[in-house]
Amino acid sequence: MSEKNELELVGGGLNRPTASERFTAAAWRLLTGERENSQRAVEAIRANPEALEEIRREAGSLQAAIAPCGDSFVHEKLTEAATVYGSPWDNEELAAVGMARYFAVLSELPREAVQRGFDDYDRQPDSKYFPRPGQLLALAEPHARKLRIAAGRARLASERLPSKAAPKTPEEKERERQALIAAGHMNPDGTFKPLEFRTMPTPPDTPSMRAPKPVGAVLASDPHLKALRENPIPRRPAEDSELFG
């Protein structure tokens, strides 16, 4: 990092290199370029050996950089802002209630994004009053989005690609050919047989594969119907008149 960048970081309230400052300009453009979708950006990173090595080296710190900053960091930044713009709260009770609103809006953002949101507000020519939660969110969210995009691309680019399968040896190819010939799918000259001439396995002799029996054969083999035929139920003479009047 150059001496100029070191001074700029200290002057902006960042006394150590942030996630974005750890990368060269070329690598950071690959990680955050808006015109490329993630897949094309990852392919471009992998095609650049120097950038890929740099991104793999710093991918862990970039993943850590997108973690939520938490309430304590937001409280620290609000306290610093109060020394410049004055506190908007008259007492500690109101300060606790008011700061809770800032925590709810900002504490889930990355630390660097929140810091840069406060810095961007300080640089505005009309920043005379204590910043509101929505103002800080609008300034910090673009930085947070860029960090998340960079972290996602760095993670994908750092993943090791699966190695390509080794080509088959002549012995393996010959074994496969002999297996196809034995199965009846291939001719000895290496050409495949037409489907209608291939040897197909005989289907298993399961009930679902057998031809359905005629209805009469099914009824004749039913033991309950056979018992009724041999021992019919006796009927009373008046049964028909009772049923049909």
C-alpha atoms as a PDB file:
ATOM      1  CA  MET A   1       0.000   0.000   0.000  1.00  0.00           C
ATOM      2  CA  SER A   2       1.359   3.424  -0.874  1.00  0.00           C
ATOM      3  CA  GLU A   3       2.091   6.138   1.712  1.00  0.00           C
ATOM      4  CA  LYS A   4      -0.663   8.254   0.160  1.00  0.00           C
ATOM      5  CA  ASN A   5      -3.230   5.521   0.738  1.00  0.00           C
ATOM      6  CA  GLU A   6      -2.056   5.060   4.340  1.00  0.00           C
ATOM      7  CA  LEU A   7      -2.607   8.772   5.034  1.00  0.00           C
ATOM      8  CA  GLU A   8      -5.993   8.732   3.362  1.00  0.00           C
ATOM      9  CA  LEU A   9      -7.116   5.777   5.466  1.00  0.00           C
ATOM     10  CA  VAL A  10      -6.050   7.405   8.726  1.00  0.00           C
ATOM     11  CA  GLY A  11      -7.644  10.697   7.747  1.00  0.00           C
ATOM     12  CA  GLY A  12     -10.898   8.926   6.870  1.00  0.00           C
ATOM     13  CA  GLY A  13     -11.157   7.190  10.214  1.00  0.00           C
ATOM     14  CA  LEU A  14      -9.789   3.838   8.986  1.00  0.00           C
ATOM     15  CA  ASN A  15      -6.520   3.260  10.806  1.00  0.00           C
ATOM     16  CA  ARG A  16      -5.800  -0.089   9.107  1.00  0.00           C
ATOM     17  CA  PRO A  17      -6.303  -1.503   5.605  1.00  0.00           C
ATOM     18  CA  THR A  18      -9.918  -2.401   4.955  1.00  0.00           C
ATOM     19  CA  ALA A  19     -11.072  -5.356   2.873  1.00  0.00           C
ATOM     20  CA  SER A  20     -11.248  -3.334  -0.319  1.00  0.00           C
ATOM     21  CA  GLU A  21      -7.832  -1.719   0.275  1.00  0.00           C
ATOM     22  CA  ARG A  22      -6.157  -5.134   0.449  1.00  0.00           C
ATOM     23  CA  PHE A  23      -6.583  -5.623  -3.308  1.00  0.00           C
ATOM     24  CA  THR A  24      -4.929  -4.018  -6.275  1.00  0.00           C
ATOM     25  CA  ALA A  25      -7.138  -1.849  -8.451  1.00  0.00           C
ATOM     26  CA  ALA A  26      -7.206  -4.479 -11.214  1.00  0.00           C
ATOM     27  CA  ALA A  27      -8.297  -7.280  -8.871  1.00  0.00           C
ATOM     28  CA  TRP A  28     -10.924  -5.095  -7.191  1.00  0.00           C
ATOM     29  CA  ARG A  29     -12.420  -4.188 -10.569  1.00  0.00           C
ATOM     30  CA  LEU A  30     -12.765  -7.885 -11.370  1.00  0.00           C
ATOM     31  CA  LEU A  31     -14.431  -8.487  -8.016  1.00  0.00           C
ATOM     32  CA  THR A  32     -16.897  -5.605  -8.159  1.00  0.00           C
ATOM     33  CA  GLY A  33     -17.439  -4.732 -11.830  1.00  0.00           C
ATOM     34  CA  GLU A  34     -21.125  -3.937 -12.351  1.00  0.00           C
ATOM     35  CA  ARG A  35     -21.202  -4.632 -16.096  1.00  0.00           C
ATOM     36  CA  GLU A  36     -20.309  -8.322 -15.750  1.00  0.00           C
ATOM     37  CA  ASN A  37     -22.559 -10.914 -14.184  1.00  0.00           C
ATOM     38  CA  SER A  38     -21.046 -13.155 -11.523  1.00  0.00           C
ATOM     39  CA  GLN A  39     -20.360 -16.103 -13.794  1.00  0.00           C
ATOM     40  CA  ARG A  40     -18.497 -14.037 -16.387  1.00  0.00           C
ATOM     41  CA  ALA A  41     -16.634 -12.172 -13.659  1.00  0.00           C
ATOM     42  CA  VAL A  42     -15.486 -15.430 -12.069  1.00  0.00           C
ATOM     43  CA  GLU A  43     -14.356 -16.733 -15.456  1.00  0.00           C
ATOM     44  CA  ALA A  44     -12.386 -13.507 -16.002  1.00  0.00           C
ATOM     45  CA  ILE A  45     -10.739 -13.886 -12.578  1.00  0.00           C
ATOM     46  CA  ARG A  46      -9.751 -17.485 -13.277  1.00  0.00           C
ATOM     47  CA  ALA A  47      -8.306 -16.428 -16.630  1.00  0.00           C
ATOM     48  CA  ASN A  48      -6.015 -13.930 -14.860  1.00  0.00           C
ATOM     49  CA  PRO A  49      -3.399 -15.928 -12.873  1.00  0.00           C
ATOM     50  CA  GLU A  50      -2.028 -12.925 -10.968  1.00  0.00           C
ATOM     51  CA  ALA A  51      -5.459 -11.683  -9.919  1.00  0.00           C
ATOM     52  CA  LEU A  52      -6.576 -15.205  -9.030  1.00  0.00           C
ATOM     53  CA  GLU A  53      -3.586 -15.734  -6.749  1.00  0.00           C
ATOM     54  CA  GLU A  54      -4.195 -12.383  -5.042  1.00  0.00           C
ATOM     55  CA  ILE A  55      -7.916 -13.037  -4.586  1.00  0.00           C
ATOM     56  CA  ARG A  56      -7.348 -16.536  -3.209  1.00  0.00           C
ATOM     57  CA  ARG A  57      -4.853 -15.107  -0.725  1.00  0.00           C
ATOM     58  CA  GLU A  58      -7.309 -12.496   0.584  1.00  0.00           C
ATOM     59  CA  ALA A  59     -10.598 -14.403   0.123  1.00  0.00           C
ATOM     60  CA  GLY A  60     -10.797 -15.286   3.818  1.00  0.00           C
ATOM     61  CA  SER A  61     -10.443 -11.691   4.992  1.00  0.00           C
ATOM     62  CA  LEU A  62     -13.059 -10.620   2.468  1.00  0.00           C
ATOM     63  CA  GLN A  63     -15.546 -13.189   3.774  1.00  0.00           C
ATOM     64  CA  ALA A  64     -14.933 -11.942   7.314  1.00  0.00           C
ATOM     65  CA  ALA A  65     -15.393  -8.337   6.168  1.00  0.00           C
ATOM     66  CA  ILE A  66     -19.063  -8.856   5.231  1.00  0.00           C
ATOM     67  CA  ALA A  67     -20.017  -9.938   8.765  1.00  0.00           C
ATOM     68  CA  PRO A  68     -22.421  -7.586  10.600  1.00  0.00           C
ATOM     69  CA  CYS A  69     -20.618  -4.798  12.437  1.00  0.00           C
ATOM     70  CA  GLY A  70     -22.846  -5.041  15.517  1.00  0.00           C
ATOM     71  CA  ASP A  71     -24.316  -2.488  17.897  1.00  0.00           C
ATOM     72  CA  SER A  72     -21.022  -1.619  19.604  1.00  0.00           C
ATOM     73  CA  PHE A  73     -19.404  -0.409  16.397  1.00  0.00           C
ATOM     74  CA  VAL A  74     -22.450   1.690  15.496  1.00  0.00           C
ATOM     75  CA  HIS A  75     -22.381   3.143  19.020  1.00  0.00           C
ATOM     76  CA  GLU A  76     -18.709   4.026  18.562  1.00  0.00           C
ATOM     77  CA  LYS A  77     -19.410   5.840  15.280  1.00  0.00           C
ATOM     78  CA  LEU A  78     -22.381   7.720  16.742  1.00  0.00           C
ATOM     79  CA  THR A  79     -20.251   8.873  19.661  1.00  0.00           C
ATOM     80  CA  GLU A  80     -17.618  10.173  17.226  1.00  0.00           C
ATOM     81  CA  ALA A  81     -20.289  11.949  15.189  1.00  0.00           C
ATOM     82  CA  ALA A  82     -21.599  13.633  18.347  1.00  0.00           C
ATOM     83  CA  THR A  83     -18.215  15.273  18.864  1.00  0.00           C
ATOM     84  CA  VAL A  84     -18.573  16.936  15.453  1.00  0.00           C
ATOM     85  CA  TYR A  85     -22.288  17.686  15.166  1.00  0.00           C
ATOM     86  CA  GLY A  86     -23.342  17.664  18.808  1.00  0.00           C
ATOM     87  CA  SER A  87     -25.563  15.091  20.442  1.00  0.00           C
ATOM     88  CA  PRO A  88     -29.222  15.169  19.327  1.00  0.00           C
ATOM     89  CA  TRP A  89     -30.360  13.779  22.715  1.00  0.00           C
ATOM     90  CA  ASP A  90     -30.809  15.749  25.916  1.00  0.00           C
ATOM     91  CA  ASN A  91     -30.114  12.915  28.358  1.00  0.00           C
ATOM     92  CA  GLU A  92     -28.855   9.333  28.559  1.00  0.00           C
ATOM     93  CA  GLU A  93     -32.342   7.825  28.551  1.00  0.00           C
ATOM     94  CA  LEU A  94     -33.251   9.529  25.288  1.00  0.00           C
ATOM     95  CA  ALA A  95     -29.829   8.656  23.888  1.00  0.00           C
ATOM     96  CA  ALA A  96     -30.421   4.953  24.607  1.00  0.00           C
ATOM     97  CA  VAL A  97     -33.785   5.038  22.868  1.00  0.00           C
ATOM     98  CA  GLY A  98     -32.486   7.040  19.935  1.00  0.00           C
ATOM     99  CA  MET A  99     -29.387   4.938  19.412  1.00  0.00           C
ATOM    100  CA  ALA A 100     -31.518   1.797  19.339  1.00  0.00           C
ATOM    101  CA  ARG A 101     -33.043   3.102  16.092  1.00  0.00           C
ATOM    102  CA  TYR A 102     -29.575   3.458  14.578  1.00  0.00           C
ATOM    103  CA  PHE A 103     -28.667  -0.040  15.767  1.00  0.00           C
ATOM    104  CA  ALA A 104     -31.744  -1.511  14.069  1.00  0.00           C
ATOM    105  CA  VAL A 105     -30.862   0.164  10.759  1.00  0.00           C
ATOM    106  CA  LEU A 106     -27.069  -0.141  10.644  1.00  0.00           C
ATOM    107  CA  SER A 107     -25.814  -3.001  12.838  1.00  0.00           C
ATOM    108  CA  GLU A 108     -26.389  -5.704  10.189  1.00  0.00           C
ATOM    109  CA  LEU A 109     -24.195  -3.921   7.639  1.00  0.00           C
ATOM    110  CA  PRO A 110     -20.473  -4.705   7.284  1.00  0.00           C
ATOM    111  CA  ARG A 111     -18.088  -2.660   9.385  1.00  0.00           C
ATOM    112  CA  GLU A 112     -16.347  -1.079   6.411  1.00  0.00           C
ATOM    113  CA  ALA A 113     -19.668  -0.077   4.827  1.00  0.00           C
ATOM    114  CA  VAL A 114     -20.837   1.708   7.983  1.00  0.00           C
ATOM    115  CA  GLN A 115     -17.504   3.466   8.383  1.00  0.00           C
ATOM    116  CA  ARG A 116     -17.591   4.658   4.796  1.00  0.00           C
ATOM    117  CA  GLY A 117     -21.203   5.759   5.201  1.00  0.00           C
ATOM    118  CA  PHE A 118     -20.196   8.080   8.059  1.00  0.00           C
ATOM    119  CA  ASP A 119     -17.174   9.262   6.072  1.00  0.00           C
ATOM    120  CA  ASP A 120     -19.318  10.049   3.027  1.00  0.00           C
ATOM    121  CA  TYR A 121     -21.691  12.051   5.203  1.00  0.00           C
ATOM    122  CA  ASP A 122     -18.789  14.048   6.671  1.00  0.00           C
ATOM    123  CA  ARG A 123     -17.647  14.955   3.150  1.00  0.00           C
ATOM    124  CA  GLN A 124     -21.002  16.388   2.116  1.00  0.00           C
ATOM    125  CA  PRO A 125     -20.875  20.215   2.047  1.00  0.00           C
ATOM    126  CA  ASP A 126     -24.280  20.520   3.747  1.00  0.00           C
ATOM    127  CA  SER A 127     -23.595  18.079   6.610  1.00  0.00           C
ATOM    128  CA  LYS A 128     -24.249  20.539   9.425  1.00  0.00           C
ATOM    129  CA  TYR A 129     -26.502  18.364  11.584  1.00  0.00           C
ATOM    130  CA  PHE A 130     -26.326  14.955  13.187  1.00  0.00           C
ATOM    131  CA  PRO A 131     -27.016  12.319  10.473  1.00  0.00           C
ATOM    132  CA  ARG A 132     -30.328  10.456  10.510  1.00  0.00           C
ATOM    133  CA  PRO A 133     -30.473   6.633  10.302  1.00  0.00           C
ATOM    134  CA  GLY A 134     -31.924   6.699   6.802  1.00  0.00           C
ATOM    135  CA  GLN A 135     -29.234   9.069   5.558  1.00  0.00           C
ATOM    136  CA  LEU A 136     -26.477   6.793   6.814  1.00  0.00           C
ATOM    137  CA  LEU A 137     -28.157   3.691   5.412  1.00  0.00           C
ATOM    138  CA  ALA A 138     -28.433   5.270   1.962  1.00  0.00           C
ATOM    139  CA  LEU A 139     -24.722   6.085   2.053  1.00  0.00           C
ATOM    140  CA  ALA A 140     -23.529   2.786   3.546  1.00  0.00           C
ATOM    141  CA  GLU A 141     -25.655   0.312   1.574  1.00  0.00           C
ATOM    142  CA  PRO A 142     -23.833   0.773  -1.790  1.00  0.00           C
ATOM    143  CA  HIS A 143     -20.543  -0.037  -0.041  1.00  0.00           C
ATOM    144  CA  ALA A 144     -22.133  -3.070   1.619  1.00  0.00           C
ATOM    145  CA  ARG A 145     -23.498  -4.319  -1.689  1.00  0.00           C
ATOM    146  CA  LYS A 146     -20.079  -3.985  -3.348  1.00  0.00           C
ATOM    147  CA  LEU A 147     -18.427  -5.908  -0.528  1.00  0.00           C
ATOM    148  CA  ARG A 148     -20.989  -8.716  -0.753  1.00  0.00           C
ATOM    149  CA  ILE A 149     -20.547  -8.992  -4.520  1.00  0.00           C
ATOM    150  CA  ALA A 150     -16.777  -9.099  -4.105  1.00  0.00           C
ATOM    151  CA  ALA A 151     -16.978 -11.744  -1.373  1.00  0.00           C
ATOM    152  CA  GLY A 152     -19.261 -13.933  -3.460  1.00  0.00           C
ATOM    153  CA  ARG A 153     -17.040 -13.745  -6.530  1.00  0.00           C
ATOM    154  CA  ALA A 154     -13.903 -14.340  -4.478  1.00  0.00           C
ATOM    155  CA  ARG A 155     -15.451 -17.437  -2.921  1.00  0.00           C
ATOM    156  CA  LEU A 156     -16.500 -18.864  -6.291  1.00  0.00           C
ATOM    157  CA  ALA A 157     -13.187 -18.052  -7.960  1.00  0.00           C
ATOM    158  CA  SER A 158     -11.213 -19.596  -5.094  1.00  0.00           C
ATOM    159  CA  GLU A 159     -13.005 -22.928  -5.280  1.00  0.00           C
ATOM    160  CA  ARG A 160     -10.885 -25.597  -6.884  1.00  0.00           C
ATOM    161  CA  LEU A 161     -12.316 -26.819 -10.152  1.00  0.00           C
ATOM    162  CA  PRO A 162     -12.892 -30.570 -10.360  1.00  0.00           C
ATOM    163  CA  SER A 163     -10.068 -32.267 -12.181  1.00  0.00           C
ATOM    164  CA  LYS A 164     -10.882 -33.738 -15.557  1.00  0.00           C
ATOM    165  CA  ALA A 165     -11.146 -37.512 -15.763  1.00  0.00           C
ATOM    166  CA  ALA A 166      -8.082 -39.205 -17.174  1.00  0.00           C
ATOM    167  CA  PRO A 167      -8.527 -40.547 -20.710  1.00  0.00           C
ATOM    168  CA  LYS A 168      -9.322 -44.251 -20.958  1.00  0.00           C
ATOM    169  CA  THR A 169      -6.474 -46.583 -21.745  1.00  0.00           C
ATOM    170  CA  PRO A 170      -6.639 -48.876 -24.809  1.00  0.00           C
ATOM    171  CA  GLU A 171      -7.119 -51.836 -22.467  1.00  0.00           C
ATOM    172  CA  GLU A 172     -10.155 -50.192 -20.827  1.00  0.00           C
ATOM    173  CA  LYS A 173     -11.668 -49.368 -24.208  1.00  0.00           C
ATOM    174  CA  GLU A 174     -11.180 -52.971 -25.366  1.00  0.00           C
ATOM    175  CA  ARG A 175     -12.857 -54.333 -22.236  1.00  0.00           C
ATOM    176  CA  GLU A 176     -15.858 -52.063 -22.815  1.00  0.00           C
ATOM    177  CA  ARG A 177     -16.055 -53.183 -26.470  1.00  0.00           C
ATOM    178  CA  GLN A 178     -15.979 -56.862 -25.531  1.00  0.00           C
ATOM    179  CA  ALA A 179     -18.690 -56.279 -22.927  1.00  0.00           C
ATOM    180  CA  LEU A 180     -20.955 -54.642 -25.539  1.00  0.00           C
ATOM    181  CA  ILE A 181     -20.345 -57.487 -27.978  1.00  0.00           C
ATOM    182  CA  ALA A 182     -21.144 -60.076 -25.300  1.00  0.00           C
ATOM    183  CA  ALA A 183     -24.338 -58.198 -24.404  1.00  0.00           C
ATOM    184  CA  GLY A 184     -25.458 -58.335 -28.047  1.00  0.00           C
ATOM    185  CA  HIS A 185     -25.334 -54.571 -28.638  1.00  0.00           C
ATOM    186  CA  MET A 186     -22.253 -54.391 -30.858  1.00  0.00           C
ATOM    187  CA  ASN A 187     -20.882 -56.249 -33.848  1.00  0.00           C
ATOM    188  CA  PRO A 188     -17.332 -57.666 -33.744  1.00  0.00           C
ATOM    189  CA  ASP A 189     -16.223 -54.910 -36.138  1.00  0.00           C
ATOM    190  CA  GLY A 190     -17.141 -52.260 -33.583  1.00  0.00           C
ATOM    191  CA  THR A 191     -20.387 -51.039 -35.162  1.00  0.00           C
ATOM    192  CA  PHE A 192     -23.545 -50.979 -33.096  1.00  0.00           C
ATOM    193  CA  LYS A 193     -26.432 -53.267 -34.038  1.00  0.00           C
ATOM    194  CA  PRO A 194     -29.816 -51.759 -34.940  1.00  0.00           C
ATOM    195  CA  LEU A 195     -32.197 -51.772 -31.995  1.00  0.00           C
ATOM    196  CA  GLU A 196     -34.460 -54.425 -33.522  1.00  0.00           C
ATOM    197  CA  PHE A 197     -31.532 -56.871 -33.748  1.00  0.00           C
ATOM    198  CA  ARG A 198     -30.096 -56.347 -30.312  1.00  0.00           C
ATOM    199  CA  THR A 199     -30.424 -59.048 -27.710  1.00  0.00           C
ATOM    200  CA  MET A 200     -32.810 -57.816 -25.068  1.00  0.00           C
ATOM    201  CA  PRO A 201     -33.033 -59.353 -21.602  1.00  0.00           C
ATOM    202  CA  THR A 202     -36.054 -61.532 -20.926  1.00  0.00           C
ATOM    203  CA  PRO A 203     -38.504 -59.720 -18.634  1.00  0.00           C
ATOM    204  CA  PRO A 204     -38.997 -61.305 -15.229  1.00  0.00           C
ATOM    205  CA  ASP A 205     -42.012 -63.591 -14.807  1.00  0.00           C
ATOM    206  CA  THR A 206     -43.826 -61.398 -12.338  1.00  0.00           C
ATOM    207  CA  PRO A 207     -47.616 -61.160 -11.909  1.00  0.00           C
ATOM    208  CA  SER A 208     -47.600 -57.620 -13.268  1.00  0.00           C
ATOM    209  CA  MET A 209     -45.910 -58.848 -16.479  1.00  0.00           C
ATOM    210  CA  ARG A 210     -48.247 -61.788 -17.158  1.00  0.00           C
ATOM    211  CA  ALA A 211     -51.251 -61.543 -19.462  1.00  0.00           C
ATOM    212  CA  PRO A 212     -54.502 -60.910 -17.511  1.00  0.00           C
ATOM    213  CA  LYS A 213     -56.745 -63.941 -17.006  1.00  0.00           C
ATOM    214  CA  PRO A 214     -60.266 -63.976 -18.500  1.00  0.00           C
ATOM    215  CA  VAL A 215     -63.011 -62.814 -16.132  1.00  0.00           C
ATOM    216  CA  GLY A 216     -64.636 -66.261 -16.201  1.00  0.00           C
ATOM    217  CA  ALA A 217     -61.433 -67.943 -15.128  1.00  0.00           C
ATOM    218  CA  VAL A 218     -61.063 -65.503 -12.255  1.00  0.00           C
ATOM    219  CA  LEU A 219     -64.647 -66.141 -11.059  1.00  0.00           C
ATOM    220  CA  ALA A 220     -64.283 -69.904 -11.415  1.00  0.00           C
ATOM    221  CA  SER A 221     -61.194 -69.899  -9.214  1.00  0.00           C
ATOM    222  CA  ASP A 222     -62.734 -67.717  -6.491  1.00  0.00           C
ATOM    223  CA  PRO A 223     -63.155 -69.949  -3.384  1.00  0.00           C
ATOM    224  CA  HIS A 224     -66.074 -67.915  -2.026  1.00  0.00           C
ATOM    225  CA  LEU A 225     -68.064 -68.207  -5.245  1.00  0.00           C
ATOM    226  CA  LYS A 226     -67.267 -71.942  -5.403  1.00  0.00           C
ATOM    227  CA  ALA A 227     -68.653 -72.419  -1.861  1.00  0.00           C
ATOM    228  CA  LEU A 228     -71.855 -70.567  -2.753  1.00  0.00           C
ATOM    229  CA  ARG A 229     -72.357 -72.759  -5.804  1.00  0.00           C
ATOM    230  CA  GLU A 230     -71.939 -75.937  -3.752  1.00  0.00           C
ATOM    231  CA  ASN A 231     -73.994 -74.717  -0.751  1.00  0.00           C
ATOM    232  CA  PRO A 232     -76.521 -72.127  -1.908  1.00  0.00           C
ATOM    233  CA  ILE A 233     -78.290 -70.017   0.715  1.00  0.00           C
ATOM    234  CA  PRO A 234     -81.921 -71.270   1.203  1.00  0.00           C
ATOM    235  CA  ARG A 235     -84.676 -68.782   0.417  1.00  0.00           C
ATOM    236  CA  ARG A 236     -88.055 -68.371   2.140  1.00  0.00           C
ATOM    237  CA  PRO A 237     -91.114 -68.573  -0.151  1.00  0.00           C
ATOM    238  CA  ALA A 238     -92.452 -65.219   0.933  1.00  0.00           C
ATOM    239  CA  GLU A 239     -89.183 -63.444   0.393  1.00  0.00           C
ATOM    240  CA  ASP A 240     -89.982 -62.146  -3.071  1.00  0.00           C
ATOM    241  CA  SER A 241     -93.415 -60.818  -2.106  1.00  0.00           C
ATOM    242  CA  GLU A 242     -91.954 -59.103   0.944  1.00  0.00           C
ATOM    243  CA  LEU A 243     -89.296 -57.414  -1.092  1.00  0.00           C
ATOM    244  CA  PHE A 244     -91.273 -56.421  -4.148  1.00  0.00           C
ATOM    245  CA  GLY A 245     -94.807 -56.259  -2.752  1.00  0.00           C
END
